[in-house]
Protein backbone atom coordinates (compact mmCIF):
# COMPACT_ATOMS: atom_id res chain seq x y z
CA UNK A 1 0.00 0.00 0.00
CA UNK A 2 1.69 3.21 -1.13
CA UNK A 3 1.26 6.52 0.56
CA UNK A 4 2.07 8.83 -2.33
CA UNK A 5 2.25 9.27 -6.04
CA UNK A 6 6.00 9.23 -6.43
CA UNK A 7 6.49 5.52 -5.75
CA UNK A 8 8.68 6.34 -2.76
CA UNK A 9 6.11 6.22 0.01
CA UNK A 10 5.22 9.87 -0.39
CA UNK A 11 8.68 11.08 0.63
CA UNK A 12 9.39 12.74 -2.69
CA UNK A 13 12.90 11.29 -2.60
CA UNK A 14 14.45 9.27 -5.35
CA UNK A 15 16.31 6.09 -4.51
CA UNK A 16 19.71 7.13 -5.78
CA UNK A 17 21.43 4.07 -7.11
CA UNK A 18 19.92 1.56 -4.69
CA UNK A 19 19.60 -1.99 -5.87
CA UNK A 20 16.01 -2.71 -7.03
CA UNK A 21 16.03 -6.03 -5.14
CA UNK A 22 17.03 -4.23 -1.92
CA UNK A 23 14.28 -1.67 -2.50
CA UNK A 24 11.72 -4.48 -2.87
CA UNK A 25 12.92 -5.93 0.43
CA UNK A 26 12.73 -2.56 2.15
CA UNK A 27 9.24 -2.00 0.77
CA UNK A 28 8.23 -5.39 2.15
CA UNK A 29 9.23 -4.23 5.65
CA UNK A 30 7.60 -0.83 5.15
CA UNK A 31 4.37 -2.51 4.01
CA UNK A 32 4.40 -4.73 7.10
CA UNK A 33 4.77 -1.64 9.31
CA UNK A 34 1.92 0.06 7.43
CA UNK A 35 -0.34 -2.96 7.83
CA UNK A 36 0.41 -3.46 11.52
CA UNK A 37 1.73 -0.15 12.87
CA UNK A 38 0.25 -1.01 16.27
CA UNK A 39 2.79 -3.84 16.65
CA UNK A 40 6.34 -3.50 17.91
CA UNK A 41 8.80 -3.26 15.02
CA UNK A 42 12.37 -3.32 16.31
CA UNK A 43 15.08 -3.07 13.67
CA UNK A 44 15.95 -6.74 14.23
CA UNK A 45 12.43 -7.81 13.19
CA UNK A 46 12.37 -5.45 10.19
CA UNK A 47 15.80 -6.64 9.05
CA UNK A 48 14.58 -10.23 9.27
CA UNK A 49 11.54 -9.36 7.09
CA UNK A 50 13.90 -7.75 4.58
CA UNK A 51 16.51 -10.51 4.80
CA UNK A 52 19.39 -8.06 5.39
CA UNK A 53 21.59 -7.25 8.38
CA UNK A 54 20.27 -4.83 11.01
CA UNK A 55 22.85 -2.12 10.31
CA UNK A 56 22.38 -2.40 6.55
CA UNK A 57 18.60 -2.32 6.92
CA UNK A 58 18.54 0.81 9.09
CA UNK A 59 20.96 2.69 6.82
CA UNK A 60 19.26 1.56 3.60
CA UNK A 61 15.75 2.34 4.90
CA UNK A 62 16.77 5.91 5.73
CA UNK A 63 18.46 6.30 2.35
CA UNK A 64 15.39 4.99 0.52
CA UNK A 65 12.62 6.75 2.46
CA UNK A 66 14.31 9.76 4.05
CA UNK A 67 13.61 8.83 7.67
CA UNK A 68 14.82 6.08 10.02
CA UNK A 69 12.46 3.09 10.48
CA UNK A 70 11.44 4.06 14.02
CA UNK A 71 10.55 7.60 12.96
CA UNK A 72 8.54 6.23 10.03
CA UNK A 73 6.63 3.96 12.42
CA UNK A 74 5.93 6.90 14.78
CA UNK A 75 4.60 8.86 11.81
CA UNK A 76 2.23 6.06 10.89
CA UNK A 77 1.02 5.64 14.48
CA UNK A 78 0.38 9.35 14.94
CA UNK A 79 -1.31 9.53 11.54
CA UNK A 80 -3.65 6.67 12.52
CA UNK A 81 -4.31 8.18 15.96
CA UNK A 82 -5.19 11.54 14.38
CA UNK A 83 -7.69 9.84 12.07
CA UNK A 84 -9.31 7.98 14.97
CA UNK A 85 -9.47 11.13 17.09
CA UNK A 86 -11.02 13.03 14.22
CA UNK A 87 -13.43 10.37 12.98
CA UNK A 88 -14.54 8.47 16.10
CA UNK A 89 -15.69 9.07 19.65
CA UNK A 90 -13.46 6.34 21.08
CA UNK A 91 -11.78 7.20 24.39
CA UNK A 92 -8.25 8.54 23.96
CA UNK A 93 -6.83 5.65 26.02
CA UNK A 94 -8.41 3.13 23.63
CA UNK A 95 -6.96 5.01 20.65
CA UNK A 96 -3.51 5.05 22.29
CA UNK A 97 -3.59 1.29 22.90
CA UNK A 98 -5.06 0.56 19.47
CA UNK A 99 -2.28 2.49 17.72
CA UNK A 100 0.56 0.71 19.51
CA UNK A 101 1.28 2.77 22.62
CA UNK A 102 1.71 1.03 25.98
CA UNK A 103 0.97 4.11 28.06
CA UNK A 104 -1.39 7.03 27.78
CA UNK A 105 1.32 9.35 29.13
CA UNK A 106 3.86 8.35 26.48
CA UNK A 107 1.23 8.61 23.77
CA UNK A 108 0.10 12.06 24.91
CA UNK A 109 3.63 13.43 25.30
CA UNK A 110 4.81 12.10 21.93
CA UNK A 111 1.60 13.21 20.23
CA UNK A 112 2.05 16.76 21.58
CA UNK A 113 5.75 16.80 20.64
CA UNK A 114 4.92 15.86 17.05
CA UNK A 115 1.65 17.69 16.42
CA UNK A 116 1.96 20.63 18.81
CA UNK A 117 -1.31 19.83 20.57
CA UNK A 118 -2.68 17.18 22.88
CA UNK A 119 -4.93 14.42 21.55
CA UNK A 120 -7.92 16.04 23.28
CA UNK A 121 -7.14 19.45 21.80
CA UNK A 122 -6.84 17.95 18.32
CA UNK A 123 -10.17 16.16 18.74
CA UNK A 124 -11.94 19.31 19.91
CA UNK A 125 -10.47 21.43 17.13
CA UNK A 126 -11.18 18.98 14.30
CA UNK A 127 -14.68 18.13 15.45
CA UNK A 128 -15.52 21.84 15.79
CA UNK A 129 -14.27 22.51 12.26
CA UNK A 130 -15.81 19.50 10.48
CA UNK A 131 -16.16 20.33 6.82
CA UNK A 132 -17.40 18.08 4.04
CA UNK A 133 -14.24 16.51 2.65
CA UNK A 134 -15.86 13.94 0.38
CA UNK A 135 -14.73 15.79 -2.76
CA UNK A 136 -11.03 15.61 -1.82
CA UNK A 137 -9.20 12.38 -2.73
CA UNK A 138 -8.31 10.32 0.36
CA UNK A 139 -4.61 10.22 -0.60
CA UNK A 140 -4.45 14.04 -0.47
CA UNK A 141 -6.17 14.09 2.93
CA UNK A 142 -3.76 11.49 4.27
CA UNK A 143 -0.75 13.46 3.03
CA UNK A 144 -2.11 16.68 4.54
CA UNK A 145 -2.56 15.01 7.92
CA UNK A 146 0.78 13.20 7.88
CA UNK A 147 3.00 14.42 10.72
CA UNK A 148 6.38 15.86 9.76
CA UNK A 149 9.12 14.05 11.64
CA UNK A 150 12.24 15.53 10.16
CA UNK A 151 13.67 15.92 13.68
CA UNK A 152 13.68 13.07 16.19
CA UNK A 153 11.32 13.61 19.12
CA UNK A 154 14.17 13.34 21.64
CA UNK A 155 16.21 15.93 19.72
CA UNK A 156 13.20 18.24 19.57
CA UNK A 157 12.83 17.98 23.37
CA UNK A 158 16.54 18.76 23.85
CA UNK A 159 16.26 21.83 21.61
CA UNK A 160 13.19 23.08 23.49
CA UNK A 161 14.88 22.50 26.85
CA UNK A 162 17.99 24.37 25.72
CA UNK A 163 15.87 27.28 24.49
CA UNK A 164 14.14 27.64 27.88
CA UNK A 165 17.37 27.72 29.89
CA UNK A 166 18.58 31.25 30.51
CA UNK A 167 22.26 31.88 29.75
CA UNK A 168 24.43 32.05 32.82
CA UNK A 169 25.96 35.51 33.28
CA UNK A 170 29.74 35.51 33.33
CA UNK A 171 31.82 37.89 35.40
CA UNK A 172 35.11 39.25 34.28
CA UNK A 173 38.06 39.07 36.63
CA UNK A 174 40.47 41.99 36.26
């Protein structure tokens, strides 16, 4: 199941010189993540699906799709959670568990880090602004709602923490 028109999972990237057989193997792992994003997908399992070494898989996946496998999986989970929050009245805890999170706290924190709002805030905002979207192709809607994970969540937290710390004044000794 592709997520874009460019044949590269919607990343817009071209697979510069990668072996077509390797790309097929990587797509096999990517398709498995798409089909079961709620499951745990450590690199070891993905490498086994692709029949390549763990280090080669992780490096090749990033080269092919522009993001590391874990970040891609987070994107898919958040994308699915956003759709469920927008389109259902399921409790947020149920959505968190259904999309692969083991804890409501981790889900909420990661969701806010990626989307800039809590799951409850997103639900309130999207349900208040419901517009008829039946004339827009589903692939365009999915792309518009896809979270942008160009920076790892942990790196984003470090950057925000560094920005909130005030610089320590230095005194000159004469």
